[in-house]
Amino acid sequence: MTPSAILESALYVTDLAEAEVFYTDILGLTLLGKVEGRHLFFRCGPGVLLIFNAEATKIPPAPDARLKVPPHGTVGEGHLCFAANAAEIDGWKAHLLAKKIAIESEFEWPQGGRSIYIRDPSGNSIEFAEPRIWGL
């Protein structure tokens, strides 16, 4: 057995309100759901981006909880990469700079393809890259 795709990816943040503004107003993702103080869920293409308050996800579910999601979380800055073709990367760069979001790094990969990197308000590394960096 081999997984066919990644359905969801998670990042952990220190301020959900800041994250909501960033991921909706700056990145334009559609909010699917939220629980105050715990999480934000966003649609991203065919997948879902989960944004969690790491401290809240460390709390085990109550014995009588309807959804028995086990505790999870992380400490520190995570990473997520959005697929973008060359023209889209140029568009993202202009859009991000217009929104006063600093481009932390930009380069061509030795095997071909370009990436730009920014930080979200919690310090997570957010990349926009051409899929060909992975031979896709």
C-alpha atoms as a PDB file:
ATOM      1  CA  MET A   1       0.000   0.000   0.000  1.00  0.00           C
ATOM      2  CA  THR A   2       1.148   3.523  -0.838  1.00  0.00           C
ATOM      3  CA  PRO A   3      -0.744   6.745  -0.035  1.00  0.00           C
ATOM      4  CA  SER A   4      -2.152   8.362  -3.175  1.00  0.00           C
ATOM      5  CA  ALA A   5      -1.996  11.992  -2.075  1.00  0.00           C
ATOM      6  CA  ILE A   6      -1.681  14.331   0.877  1.00  0.00           C
ATOM      7  CA  LEU A   7      -5.200  15.293   1.914  1.00  0.00           C
ATOM      8  CA  GLU A   8      -4.320  17.793   4.609  1.00  0.00           C
ATOM      9  CA  SER A   9      -1.280  19.565   5.973  1.00  0.00           C
ATOM     10  CA  ALA A  10      -0.980  21.367   9.297  1.00  0.00           C
ATOM     11  CA  LEU A  11       0.854  24.402  10.581  1.00  0.00           C
ATOM     12  CA  TYR A  12       0.896  25.576  14.165  1.00  0.00           C
ATOM     13  CA  VAL A  13       0.570  29.247  15.068  1.00  0.00           C
ATOM     14  CA  THR A  14       0.741  31.452  18.128  1.00  0.00           C
ATOM     15  CA  ASP A  15      -2.108  33.802  17.158  1.00  0.00           C
ATOM     16  CA  LEU A  16      -5.149  32.425  15.322  1.00  0.00           C
ATOM     17  CA  ALA A  17      -6.644  35.867  14.627  1.00  0.00           C
ATOM     18  CA  GLU A  18      -3.442  37.010  12.882  1.00  0.00           C
ATOM     19  CA  ALA A  19      -3.277  33.719  11.006  1.00  0.00           C
ATOM     20  CA  GLU A  20      -6.873  34.065   9.820  1.00  0.00           C
ATOM     21  CA  VAL A  21      -6.182  37.521   8.380  1.00  0.00           C
ATOM     22  CA  PHE A  22      -2.951  36.348   6.732  1.00  0.00           C
ATOM     23  CA  TYR A  23      -4.321  33.183   5.143  1.00  0.00           C
ATOM     24  CA  THR A  24      -7.594  34.795   3.978  1.00  0.00           C
ATOM     25  CA  ASP A  25      -6.637  38.393   3.150  1.00  0.00           C
ATOM     26  CA  ILE A  26      -3.038  37.897   1.995  1.00  0.00           C
ATOM     27  CA  LEU A  27      -3.104  34.377   0.532  1.00  0.00           C
ATOM     28  CA  GLY A  28      -6.787  34.346  -0.466  1.00  0.00           C
ATOM     29  CA  LEU A  29      -7.625  30.917   0.947  1.00  0.00           C
ATOM     30  CA  THR A  30     -11.247  30.048   1.709  1.00  0.00           C
ATOM     31  CA  LEU A  31     -12.031  29.418   5.361  1.00  0.00           C
ATOM     32  CA  LEU A  32     -13.833  26.069   5.757  1.00  0.00           C
ATOM     33  CA  GLY A  33     -14.226  26.095   9.508  1.00  0.00           C
ATOM     34  CA  LYS A  34     -12.897  27.389  12.756  1.00  0.00           C
ATOM     35  CA  VAL A  35     -13.106  26.810  16.463  1.00  0.00           C
ATOM     36  CA  GLU A  36     -12.143  29.866  18.497  1.00  0.00           C
ATOM     37  CA  GLY A  37      -8.878  29.323  20.314  1.00  0.00           C
ATOM     38  CA  ARG A  38      -8.211  25.962  18.627  1.00  0.00           C
ATOM     39  CA  HIS A  39      -8.077  25.905  14.825  1.00  0.00           C
ATOM     40  CA  LEU A  40      -8.747  27.292  11.355  1.00  0.00           C
ATOM     41  CA  PHE A  41      -9.339  25.041   8.339  1.00  0.00           C
ATOM     42  CA  PHE A  42      -8.782  26.362   4.791  1.00  0.00           C
ATOM     43  CA  ARG A  43      -9.484  24.945   1.336  1.00  0.00           C
ATOM     44  CA  CYS A  44      -6.396  24.863  -0.880  1.00  0.00           C
ATOM     45  CA  GLY A  45      -7.021  23.273  -4.262  1.00  0.00           C
ATOM     46  CA  PRO A  46      -8.080  19.658  -3.695  1.00  0.00           C
ATOM     47  CA  GLY A  47      -6.595  19.634  -0.175  1.00  0.00           C
ATOM     48  CA  VAL A  48      -7.045  21.304   3.174  1.00  0.00           C
ATOM     49  CA  LEU A  49      -4.648  23.445   5.185  1.00  0.00           C
ATOM     50  CA  LEU A  50      -5.118  23.071   8.937  1.00  0.00           C
ATOM     51  CA  ILE A  51      -3.911  25.915  11.149  1.00  0.00           C
ATOM     52  CA  PHE A  52      -3.797  24.994  14.827  1.00  0.00           C
ATOM     53  CA  ASN A  53      -3.126  26.682  18.121  1.00  0.00           C
ATOM     54  CA  ALA A  54      -0.438  24.188  19.174  1.00  0.00           C
ATOM     55  CA  GLU A  55      -1.215  24.490  22.876  1.00  0.00           C
ATOM     56  CA  ALA A  56      -4.893  23.670  22.316  1.00  0.00           C
ATOM     57  CA  THR A  57      -4.098  20.550  20.275  1.00  0.00           C
ATOM     58  CA  LYS A  58      -1.972  19.104  23.073  1.00  0.00           C
ATOM     59  CA  ILE A  59      -5.082  18.634  25.219  1.00  0.00           C
ATOM     60  CA  PRO A  60      -6.457  15.076  24.905  1.00  0.00           C
ATOM     61  CA  PRO A  61     -10.137  14.717  23.998  1.00  0.00           C
ATOM     62  CA  ALA A  62     -12.598  14.148  26.840  1.00  0.00           C
ATOM     63  CA  PRO A  63     -13.540  10.494  27.336  1.00  0.00           C
ATOM     64  CA  ASP A  64     -17.051  11.245  26.049  1.00  0.00           C
ATOM     65  CA  ALA A  65     -15.901  13.397  23.090  1.00  0.00           C
ATOM     66  CA  ARG A  66     -17.694  12.820  19.790  1.00  0.00           C
ATOM     67  CA  LEU A  67     -14.428  13.234  17.835  1.00  0.00           C
ATOM     68  CA  LYS A  68     -11.521  11.465  19.483  1.00  0.00           C
ATOM     69  CA  VAL A  69      -8.671  13.217  17.661  1.00  0.00           C
ATOM     70  CA  PRO A  70      -5.470  12.358  19.498  1.00  0.00           C
ATOM     71  CA  PRO A  71      -3.267  15.146  20.850  1.00  0.00           C
ATOM     72  CA  HIS A  72      -0.718  16.538  18.395  1.00  0.00           C
ATOM     73  CA  GLY A  73       1.289  19.667  17.861  1.00  0.00           C
ATOM     74  CA  THR A  74       4.738  21.009  17.493  1.00  0.00           C
ATOM     75  CA  VAL A  75       6.945  23.780  18.760  1.00  0.00           C
ATOM     76  CA  GLY A  76       8.804  26.135  16.467  1.00  0.00           C
ATOM     77  CA  GLU A  77       8.520  27.244  12.890  1.00  0.00           C
ATOM     78  CA  GLY A  78       7.073  24.864  10.297  1.00  0.00           C
ATOM     79  CA  HIS A  79       7.178  24.871   6.522  1.00  0.00           C
ATOM     80  CA  LEU A  80       4.605  24.633   3.748  1.00  0.00           C
ATOM     81  CA  CYS A  81       5.046  24.982  -0.002  1.00  0.00           C
ATOM     82  CA  PHE A  82       2.330  26.073  -2.445  1.00  0.00           C
ATOM     83  CA  ALA A  83       2.651  25.012  -6.096  1.00  0.00           C
ATOM     84  CA  ALA A  84       2.944  27.869  -8.579  1.00  0.00           C
ATOM     85  CA  ASN A  85       4.163  28.125 -12.160  1.00  0.00           C
ATOM     86  CA  ALA A  86       6.733  30.765 -13.174  1.00  0.00           C
ATOM     87  CA  ALA A  87       4.117  33.393 -14.091  1.00  0.00           C
ATOM     88  CA  GLU A  88       2.210  32.737 -10.854  1.00  0.00           C
ATOM     89  CA  ILE A  89       5.397  33.149  -8.822  1.00  0.00           C
ATOM     90  CA  ASP A  90       5.912  36.550 -10.460  1.00  0.00           C
ATOM     91  CA  GLY A  91       2.300  37.409  -9.607  1.00  0.00           C
ATOM     92  CA  TRP A  92       2.698  36.234  -6.026  1.00  0.00           C
ATOM     93  CA  LYS A  93       5.890  38.222  -5.627  1.00  0.00           C
ATOM     94  CA  ALA A  94       4.201  41.436  -6.807  1.00  0.00           C
ATOM     95  CA  HIS A  95       1.103  40.741  -4.686  1.00  0.00           C
ATOM     96  CA  LEU A  96       3.097  39.987  -1.542  1.00  0.00           C
ATOM     97  CA  LEU A  97       5.322  43.031  -1.921  1.00  0.00           C
ATOM     98  CA  ALA A  98       2.222  45.211  -2.458  1.00  0.00           C
ATOM     99  CA  LYS A  99       0.867  43.792   0.827  1.00  0.00           C
ATOM    100  CA  LYS A 100       4.197  44.651   2.543  1.00  0.00           C
ATOM    101  CA  ILE A 101       5.148  40.991   2.980  1.00  0.00           C
ATOM    102  CA  ALA A 102       8.921  40.615   2.698  1.00  0.00           C
ATOM    103  CA  ILE A 103      10.359  38.023   0.337  1.00  0.00           C
ATOM    104  CA  GLU A 104      12.831  36.190   2.570  1.00  0.00           C
ATOM    105  CA  SER A 105      14.542  34.268  -0.219  1.00  0.00           C
ATOM    106  CA  GLU A 106      14.214  33.753  -3.967  1.00  0.00           C
ATOM    107  CA  PHE A 107      16.275  31.440  -6.123  1.00  0.00           C
ATOM    108  CA  GLU A 108      16.486  28.960  -8.988  1.00  0.00           C
ATOM    109  CA  TRP A 109      16.960  25.324  -8.000  1.00  0.00           C
ATOM    110  CA  PRO A 110      19.956  23.533  -9.596  1.00  0.00           C
ATOM    111  CA  GLN A 111      17.620  20.915 -11.130  1.00  0.00           C
ATOM    112  CA  GLY A 112      15.333  23.652 -12.499  1.00  0.00           C
ATOM    113  CA  GLY A 113      12.443  25.609 -11.067  1.00  0.00           C
ATOM    114  CA  ARG A 114      12.134  28.690  -8.926  1.00  0.00           C
ATOM    115  CA  SER A 115      11.027  29.314  -5.339  1.00  0.00           C
ATOM    116  CA  ILE A 116      10.187  32.320  -3.225  1.00  0.00           C
ATOM    117  CA  TYR A 117       9.914  32.185   0.559  1.00  0.00           C
ATOM    118  CA  ILE A 118       8.016  34.372   3.020  1.00  0.00           C
ATOM    119  CA  ARG A 119       7.044  34.069   6.691  1.00  0.00           C
ATOM    120  CA  ASP A 120       3.544  33.982   8.137  1.00  0.00           C
ATOM    121  CA  PRO A 121       2.829  36.037  11.286  1.00  0.00           C
ATOM    122  CA  SER A 122       3.916  33.098  13.504  1.00  0.00           C
ATOM    123  CA  GLY A 123       7.225  32.664  11.676  1.00  0.00           C
ATOM    124  CA  ASN A 124       6.271  29.603   9.600  1.00  0.00           C
ATOM    125  CA  SER A 125       8.219  29.366   6.350  1.00  0.00           C
ATOM    126  CA  ILE A 126       5.839  29.637   3.400  1.00  0.00           C
ATOM    127  CA  GLU A 127       7.193  28.785  -0.039  1.00  0.00           C
ATOM    128  CA  PHE A 128       5.776  29.200  -3.538  1.00  0.00           C
ATOM    129  CA  ALA A 129       7.581  26.881  -5.961  1.00  0.00           C
ATOM    130  CA  GLU A 130       7.352  25.431  -9.410  1.00  0.00           C
ATOM    131  CA  PRO A 131       6.398  21.739  -9.172  1.00  0.00           C
ATOM    132  CA  ARG A 132       9.289  20.886 -11.481  1.00  0.00           C
ATOM    133  CA  ILE A 133      11.649  21.314  -8.513  1.00  0.00           C
ATOM    134  CA  TRP A 134      10.392  17.805  -7.662  1.00  0.00           C
ATOM    135  CA  GLY A 135      10.241  16.588 -11.254  1.00  0.00           C
ATOM    136  CA  LEU A 136       6.467  17.093 -11.391  1.00  0.00           C
END
